[in-house]
Amino acid sequence: MFTDGLYEEINHSNEMFGTDRIKKIMTQTAYESAKTLTKALVTACQDWREGADAHDDLTVLTVKYRGKSQNE
């Protein structure tokens, strides 16, 4: 889950980060930890801004499902 501050982030050319970039990062990190995915999304968004201040808040919540426990 993430706020609109992620996909609506803009760079110096006034281009939005967009959902396609988010999907690509999620696909590339699908088998990584939740922490790795979160860091990849936030870092990519910060890099996209090219040093400019964020125009909105940015919240990312990542949860990874590990499957059913053997004890259940």
PDB file of N, CA and C in Angstrom:
ATOM      1  N   MET A   1       0.847  -1.168   0.000  1.00  0.00           N
ATOM      2  CA  MET A   1       0.000   0.000   0.000  1.00  0.00           C
ATOM      3  C   MET A   1       0.893   1.231   0.000  1.00  0.00           C
ATOM      4  N   PHE A   2       0.419   2.259  -0.670  1.00  0.00           N
ATOM      5  CA  PHE A   2       1.189   3.494  -0.710  1.00  0.00           C
ATOM      6  C   PHE A   2       0.240   4.662  -0.972  1.00  0.00           C
ATOM      7  N   THR A   3       0.698   5.840  -0.567  1.00  0.00           N
ATOM      8  CA  THR A   3      -0.096   7.043  -0.799  1.00  0.00           C
ATOM      9  C   THR A   3       0.168   7.576  -2.198  1.00  0.00           C
ATOM     10  N   ASP A   4      -0.659   8.506  -2.611  1.00  0.00           N
ATOM     11  CA  ASP A   4      -0.504   9.087  -3.948  1.00  0.00           C
ATOM     12  C   ASP A   4       0.801   9.864  -4.100  1.00  0.00           C
ATOM     13  N   GLY A   5       1.475  10.147  -2.980  1.00  0.00           N
ATOM     14  CA  GLY A   5       2.758  10.827  -3.041  1.00  0.00           C
ATOM     15  C   GLY A   5       3.814  10.018  -3.767  1.00  0.00           C
ATOM     16  N   LEU A   6       3.620   8.726  -3.903  1.00  0.00           N
ATOM     17  CA  LEU A   6       4.563   7.880  -4.626  1.00  0.00           C
ATOM     18  C   LEU A   6       4.358   8.016  -6.135  1.00  0.00           C
ATOM     19  N   TYR A   7       3.202   7.684  -6.618  1.00  0.00           N
ATOM     20  CA  TYR A   7       3.016   7.667  -8.079  1.00  0.00           C
ATOM     21  C   TYR A   7       2.824   9.053  -8.685  1.00  0.00           C
ATOM     22  N   GLU A   8       2.473  10.048  -7.867  1.00  0.00           N
ATOM     23  CA  GLU A   8       2.306  11.410  -8.386  1.00  0.00           C
ATOM     24  C   GLU A   8       3.564  12.261  -8.243  1.00  0.00           C
ATOM     25  N   GLU A   9       4.643  11.688  -7.723  1.00  0.00           N
ATOM     26  CA  GLU A   9       5.884  12.458  -7.593  1.00  0.00           C
ATOM     27  C   GLU A   9       6.361  12.902  -8.967  1.00  0.00           C
ATOM     28  N   ILE A  10       6.856  14.125  -9.041  1.00  0.00           N
ATOM     29  CA  ILE A  10       7.290  14.664 -10.337  1.00  0.00           C
ATOM     30  C   ILE A  10       8.785  14.961 -10.310  1.00  0.00           C
ATOM     31  N   ASN A  11       9.377  14.934 -11.495  1.00  0.00           N
ATOM     32  CA  ASN A  11      10.797  15.269 -11.625  1.00  0.00           C
ATOM     33  C   ASN A  11      10.921  16.688 -12.190  1.00  0.00           C
ATOM     34  N   HIS A  12      12.144  17.092 -12.513  1.00  0.00           N
ATOM     35  CA  HIS A  12      12.381  18.451 -13.026  1.00  0.00           C
ATOM     36  C   HIS A  12      11.687  18.701 -14.359  1.00  0.00           C
ATOM     37  N   SER A  13      11.377  17.655 -15.098  1.00  0.00           N
ATOM     38  CA  SER A  13      10.683  17.794 -16.385  1.00  0.00           C
ATOM     39  C   SER A  13       9.170  17.771 -16.212  1.00  0.00           C
ATOM     40  N   ASN A  14       8.722  17.784 -14.948  1.00  0.00           N
ATOM     41  CA  ASN A  14       7.297  17.770 -14.607  1.00  0.00           C
ATOM     42  C   ASN A  14       6.607  16.474 -15.034  1.00  0.00           C
ATOM     43  N   GLU A  15       7.368  15.364 -15.077  1.00  0.00           N
ATOM     44  CA  GLU A  15       6.815  14.048 -15.394  1.00  0.00           C
ATOM     45  C   GLU A  15       6.510  13.315 -14.092  1.00  0.00           C
ATOM     46  N   MET A  16       5.382  12.619 -14.056  1.00  0.00           N
ATOM     47  CA  MET A  16       5.026  11.851 -12.868  1.00  0.00           C
ATOM     48  C   MET A  16       5.782  10.526 -12.823  1.00  0.00           C
ATOM     49  N   PHE A  17       6.053  10.060 -11.595  1.00  0.00           N
ATOM     50  CA  PHE A  17       6.706   8.768 -11.390  1.00  0.00           C
ATOM     51  C   PHE A  17       5.842   7.657 -11.969  1.00  0.00           C
ATOM     52  N   GLY A  18       4.572   7.678 -11.688  1.00  0.00           N
ATOM     53  CA  GLY A  18       3.607   6.786 -12.323  1.00  0.00           C
ATOM     54  C   GLY A  18       3.568   5.361 -11.801  1.00  0.00           C
ATOM     55  N   THR A  19       2.496   4.690 -12.137  1.00  0.00           N
ATOM     56  CA  THR A  19       2.281   3.322 -11.662  1.00  0.00           C
ATOM     57  C   THR A  19       3.106   2.285 -12.433  1.00  0.00           C
ATOM     58  N   ASP A  20       3.469   2.567 -13.663  1.00  0.00           N
ATOM     59  CA  ASP A  20       4.274   1.604 -14.427  1.00  0.00           C
ATOM     60  C   ASP A  20       5.632   1.381 -13.767  1.00  0.00           C
ATOM     61  N   ARG A  21       6.246   2.451 -13.259  1.00  0.00           N
ATOM     62  CA  ARG A  21       7.529   2.305 -12.566  1.00  0.00           C
ATOM     63  C   ARG A  21       7.353   1.516 -11.275  1.00  0.00           C
ATOM     64  N   ILE A  22       6.263   1.768 -10.577  1.00  0.00           N
ATOM     65  CA  ILE A  22       5.982   1.037  -9.338  1.00  0.00           C
ATOM     66  C   ILE A  22       5.820  -0.450  -9.632  1.00  0.00           C
ATOM     67  N   LYS A  23       5.059  -0.783 -10.659  1.00  0.00           N
ATOM     68  CA  LYS A  23       4.861  -2.183 -11.033  1.00  0.00           C
ATOM     69  C   LYS A  23       6.185  -2.856 -11.385  1.00  0.00           C
ATOM     70  N   LYS A  24       7.040  -2.141 -12.097  1.00  0.00           N
ATOM     71  CA  LYS A  24       8.337  -2.701 -12.493  1.00  0.00           C
ATOM     72  C   LYS A  24       9.184  -3.006 -11.261  1.00  0.00           C
ATOM     73  N   ILE A  25       9.229  -2.080 -10.317  1.00  0.00           N
ATOM     74  CA  ILE A  25       9.997  -2.294  -9.091  1.00  0.00           C
ATOM     75  C   ILE A  25       9.416  -3.458  -8.301  1.00  0.00           C
ATOM     76  N   MET A  26       8.104  -3.527  -8.209  1.00  0.00           N
ATOM     77  CA  MET A  26       7.462  -4.612  -7.471  1.00  0.00           C
ATOM     78  C   MET A  26       7.757  -5.963  -8.118  1.00  0.00           C
ATOM     79  N   THR A  27       7.783  -6.008  -9.429  1.00  0.00           N
ATOM     80  CA  THR A  27       8.103  -7.245 -10.143  1.00  0.00           C
ATOM     81  C   THR A  27       9.556  -7.637  -9.904  1.00  0.00           C
ATOM     82  N   GLN A  28      10.461  -6.655  -9.970  1.00  0.00           N
ATOM     83  CA  GLN A  28      11.890  -6.926  -9.793  1.00  0.00           C
ATOM     84  C   GLN A  28      12.223  -7.388  -8.376  1.00  0.00           C
ATOM     85  N   THR A  29      11.430  -6.984  -7.399  1.00  0.00           N
ATOM     86  CA  THR A  29      11.717  -7.316  -5.997  1.00  0.00           C
ATOM     87  C   THR A  29      10.694  -8.284  -5.405  1.00  0.00           C
ATOM     88  N   ALA A  30       9.955  -8.971  -6.237  1.00  0.00           N
ATOM     89  CA  ALA A  30       8.861  -9.836  -5.780  1.00  0.00           C
ATOM     90  C   ALA A  30       9.306 -10.896  -4.782  1.00  0.00           C
ATOM     91  N   TYR A  31      10.514 -11.382  -4.897  1.00  0.00           N
ATOM     92  CA  TYR A  31      10.982 -12.450  -4.013  1.00  0.00           C
ATOM     93  C   TYR A  31      11.913 -11.934  -2.924  1.00  0.00           C
ATOM     94  N   GLU A  32      12.009 -10.629  -2.805  1.00  0.00           N
ATOM     95  CA  GLU A  32      12.829 -10.008  -1.767  1.00  0.00           C
ATOM     96  C   GLU A  32      11.984  -9.769  -0.518  1.00  0.00           C
ATOM     97  N   SER A  33      12.605  -9.284   0.529  1.00  0.00           N
ATOM     98  CA  SER A  33      11.890  -8.987   1.775  1.00  0.00           C
ATOM     99  C   SER A  33      11.021  -7.742   1.615  1.00  0.00           C
ATOM    100  N   ALA A  34      10.075  -7.589   2.526  1.00  0.00           N
ATOM    101  CA  ALA A  34       9.225  -6.399   2.526  1.00  0.00           C
ATOM    102  C   ALA A  34      10.079  -5.148   2.692  1.00  0.00           C
ATOM    103  N   LYS A  35      11.095  -5.227   3.527  1.00  0.00           N
ATOM    104  CA  LYS A  35      11.991  -4.092   3.754  1.00  0.00           C
ATOM    105  C   LYS A  35      12.715  -3.694   2.469  1.00  0.00           C
ATOM    106  N   THR A  36      13.181  -4.688   1.712  1.00  0.00           N
ATOM    107  CA  THR A  36      13.872  -4.426   0.453  1.00  0.00           C
ATOM    108  C   THR A  36      12.945  -3.776  -0.559  1.00  0.00           C
ATOM    109  N   LEU A  37      11.725  -4.271  -0.661  1.00  0.00           N
ATOM    110  CA  LEU A  37      10.751  -3.688  -1.585  1.00  0.00           C
ATOM    111  C   LEU A  37      10.447  -2.245  -1.206  1.00  0.00           C
ATOM    112  N   THR A  38      10.205  -1.998   0.069  1.00  0.00           N
ATOM    113  CA  THR A  38       9.905  -0.640   0.530  1.00  0.00           C
ATOM    114  C   THR A  38      11.059   0.298   0.215  1.00  0.00           C
ATOM    115  N   LYS A  39      12.268  -0.132   0.534  1.00  0.00           N
ATOM    116  CA  LYS A  39      13.444   0.703   0.270  1.00  0.00           C
ATOM    117  C   LYS A  39      13.604   0.971  -1.226  1.00  0.00           C
ATOM    118  N   ALA A  40      13.369  -0.024  -2.058  1.00  0.00           N
ATOM    119  CA  ALA A  40      13.487   0.143  -3.509  1.00  0.00           C
ATOM    120  C   ALA A  40      12.490   1.175  -4.020  1.00  0.00           C
ATOM    121  N   LEU A  41      11.249   1.129  -3.528  1.00  0.00           N
ATOM    122  CA  LEU A  41      10.233   2.085  -3.961  1.00  0.00           C
ATOM    123  C   LEU A  41      10.583   3.509  -3.535  1.00  0.00           C
ATOM    124  N   VAL A  42      10.960   3.668  -2.277  1.00  0.00           N
ATOM    125  CA  VAL A  42      11.261   5.007  -1.755  1.00  0.00           C
ATOM    126  C   VAL A  42      12.510   5.578  -2.430  1.00  0.00           C
ATOM    127  N   THR A  43      13.539   4.759  -2.585  1.00  0.00           N
ATOM    128  CA  THR A  43      14.774   5.214  -3.221  1.00  0.00           C
ATOM    129  C   THR A  43      14.529   5.617  -4.672  1.00  0.00           C
ATOM    130  N   ALA A  44      13.784   4.803  -5.399  1.00  0.00           N
ATOM    131  CA  ALA A  44      13.481   5.126  -6.798  1.00  0.00           C
ATOM    132  C   ALA A  44      12.706   6.436  -6.905  1.00  0.00           C
ATOM    133  N   CYS A  45      11.783   6.654  -5.988  1.00  0.00           N
ATOM    134  CA  CYS A  45      11.004   7.891  -5.991  1.00  0.00           C
ATOM    135  C   CYS A  45      11.907   9.091  -5.685  1.00  0.00           C
ATOM    136  N   GLN A  46      12.784   8.952  -4.707  1.00  0.00           N
ATOM    137  CA  GLN A  46      13.710  10.034  -4.372  1.00  0.00           C
ATOM    138  C   GLN A  46      14.649  10.326  -5.545  1.00  0.00           C
ATOM    139  N   ASP A  47      15.156   9.297  -6.182  1.00  0.00           N
ATOM    140  CA  ASP A  47      16.017   9.479  -7.347  1.00  0.00           C
ATOM    141  C   ASP A  47      15.263  10.175  -8.475  1.00  0.00           C
ATOM    142  N   TRP A  48      13.992   9.845  -8.635  1.00  0.00           N
ATOM    143  CA  TRP A  48      13.158  10.431  -9.674  1.00  0.00           C
ATOM    144  C   TRP A  48      13.043  11.947  -9.509  1.00  0.00           C
ATOM    145  N   ARG A  49      13.002  12.402  -8.252  1.00  0.00           N
ATOM    146  CA  ARG A  49      12.881  13.839  -7.968  1.00  0.00           C
ATOM    147  C   ARG A  49      14.144  14.605  -8.344  1.00  0.00           C
ATOM    148  N   GLU A  50      15.230  13.895  -8.526  1.00  0.00           N
ATOM    149  CA  GLU A  50      16.499  14.513  -8.924  1.00  0.00           C
ATOM    150  C   GLU A  50      16.919  15.624  -7.959  1.00  0.00           C
ATOM    151  N   GLY A  51      16.769  15.380  -6.664  1.00  0.00           N
ATOM    152  CA  GLY A  51      17.205  16.346  -5.663  1.00  0.00           C
ATOM    153  C   GLY A  51      16.193  17.409  -5.289  1.00  0.00           C
ATOM    154  N   ALA A  52      15.098  17.473  -5.994  1.00  0.00           N
ATOM    155  CA  ALA A  52      14.059  18.459  -5.678  1.00  0.00           C
ATOM    156  C   ALA A  52      13.304  18.031  -4.423  1.00  0.00           C
ATOM    157  N   ASP A  53      12.695  18.998  -3.754  1.00  0.00           N
ATOM    158  CA  ASP A  53      11.864  18.684  -2.599  1.00  0.00           C
ATOM    159  C   ASP A  53      10.625  17.908  -3.034  1.00  0.00           C
ATOM    160  N   ALA A  54      10.155  17.036  -2.163  1.00  0.00           N
ATOM    161  CA  ALA A  54       8.925  16.288  -2.433  1.00  0.00           C
ATOM    162  C   ALA A  54       7.752  17.257  -2.466  1.00  0.00           C
ATOM    163  N   HIS A  55       6.808  17.011  -3.345  1.00  0.00           N
ATOM    164  CA  HIS A  55       5.642  17.895  -3.436  1.00  0.00           C
ATOM    165  C   HIS A  55       4.475  17.390  -2.596  1.00  0.00           C
ATOM    166  N   ASP A  56       4.610  16.183  -2.039  1.00  0.00           N
ATOM    167  CA  ASP A  56       3.528  15.564  -1.273  1.00  0.00           C
ATOM    168  C   ASP A  56       4.153  14.619  -0.255  1.00  0.00           C
ATOM    169  N   ASP A  57       3.332  14.158   0.683  1.00  0.00           N
ATOM    170  CA  ASP A  57       3.850  13.166   1.622  1.00  0.00           C
ATOM    171  C   ASP A  57       4.023  11.834   0.907  1.00  0.00           C
ATOM    172  N   LEU A  58       4.816  10.965   1.491  1.00  0.00           N
ATOM    173  CA  LEU A  58       5.073   9.653   0.898  1.00  0.00           C
ATOM    174  C   LEU A  58       5.018   8.607   1.998  1.00  0.00           C
ATOM    175  N   THR A  59       4.076   7.697   1.878  1.00  0.00           N
ATOM    176  CA  THR A  59       3.945   6.607   2.822  1.00  0.00           C
ATOM    177  C   THR A  59       3.870   5.301   2.047  1.00  0.00           C
ATOM    178  N   VAL A  60       4.673   4.319   2.471  1.00  0.00           N
ATOM    179  CA  VAL A  60       4.665   2.996   1.856  1.00  0.00           C
ATOM    180  C   VAL A  60       4.569   1.973   2.982  1.00  0.00           C
ATOM    181  N   LEU A  61       3.608   1.064   2.877  1.00  0.00           N
ATOM    182  CA  LEU A  61       3.450  -0.032   3.823  1.00  0.00           C
ATOM    183  C   LEU A  61       3.538  -1.321   3.023  1.00  0.00           C
ATOM    184  N   THR A  62       4.505  -2.153   3.368  1.00  0.00           N
ATOM    185  CA  THR A  62       4.722  -3.392   2.633  1.00  0.00           C
ATOM    186  C   THR A  62       4.540  -4.579   3.566  1.00  0.00           C
ATOM    187  N   VAL A  63       3.720  -5.528   3.154  1.00  0.00           N
ATOM    188  CA  VAL A  63       3.473  -6.740   3.921  1.00  0.00           C
ATOM    189  C   VAL A  63       3.725  -7.923   2.993  1.00  0.00           C
ATOM    190  N   LYS A  64       4.517  -8.875   3.450  1.00  0.00           N
ATOM    191  CA  LYS A  64       4.783 -10.067   2.657  1.00  0.00           C
ATOM    192  C   LYS A  64       4.091 -11.255   3.317  1.00  0.00           C
ATOM    193  N   TYR A  65       3.332 -12.005   2.556  1.00  0.00           N
ATOM    194  CA  TYR A  65       2.673 -13.211   3.037  1.00  0.00           C
ATOM    195  C   TYR A  65       3.628 -14.377   2.863  1.00  0.00           C
ATOM    196  N   ARG A  66       3.886 -15.091   3.931  1.00  0.00           N
ATOM    197  CA  ARG A  66       4.843 -16.219   3.890  1.00  0.00           C
ATOM    198  C   ARG A  66       4.164 -17.563   3.778  1.00  0.00           C
ATOM    199  N   GLY A  67       2.879 -17.582   3.712  1.00  0.00           N
ATOM    200  CA  GLY A  67       2.164 -18.842   3.627  1.00  0.00           C
ATOM    201  C   GLY A  67       1.685 -19.299   4.996  1.00  0.00           C
ATOM    202  N   LYS A  68       0.975 -20.362   4.982  1.00  0.00           N
ATOM    203  CA  LYS A  68       0.388 -20.909   6.199  1.00  0.00           C
ATOM    204  C   LYS A  68       1.446 -21.572   7.065  1.00  0.00           C
ATOM    205  N   SER A  69       1.351 -21.379   8.356  1.00  0.00           N
ATOM    206  CA  SER A  69       2.287 -21.983   9.304  1.00  0.00           C
ATOM    207  C   SER A  69       2.094 -23.499   9.343  1.00  0.00           C
ATOM    208  N   GLN A  70       3.167 -24.213   9.565  1.00  0.00           N
ATOM    209  CA  GLN A  70       3.108 -25.677   9.678  1.00  0.00           C
ATOM    210  C   GLN A  70       2.353 -26.119  10.916  1.00  0.00           C
ATOM    211  N   ASN A  71       2.237 -25.244  11.926  1.00  0.00           N
ATOM    212  CA  ASN A  71       1.575 -25.566  13.198  1.00  0.00           C
ATOM    213  C   ASN A  71       0.068 -25.362  13.168  1.00  0.00           C
ATOM    214  N   GLU A  72      -0.444 -24.864  12.073  1.00  0.00           N
ATOM    215  CA  GLU A  72      -1.891 -24.607  12.002  1.00  0.00           C
ATOM    216  C   GLU A  72      -2.643 -25.810  11.529  1.00  0.00           C
TER     217      GLU A  72
END
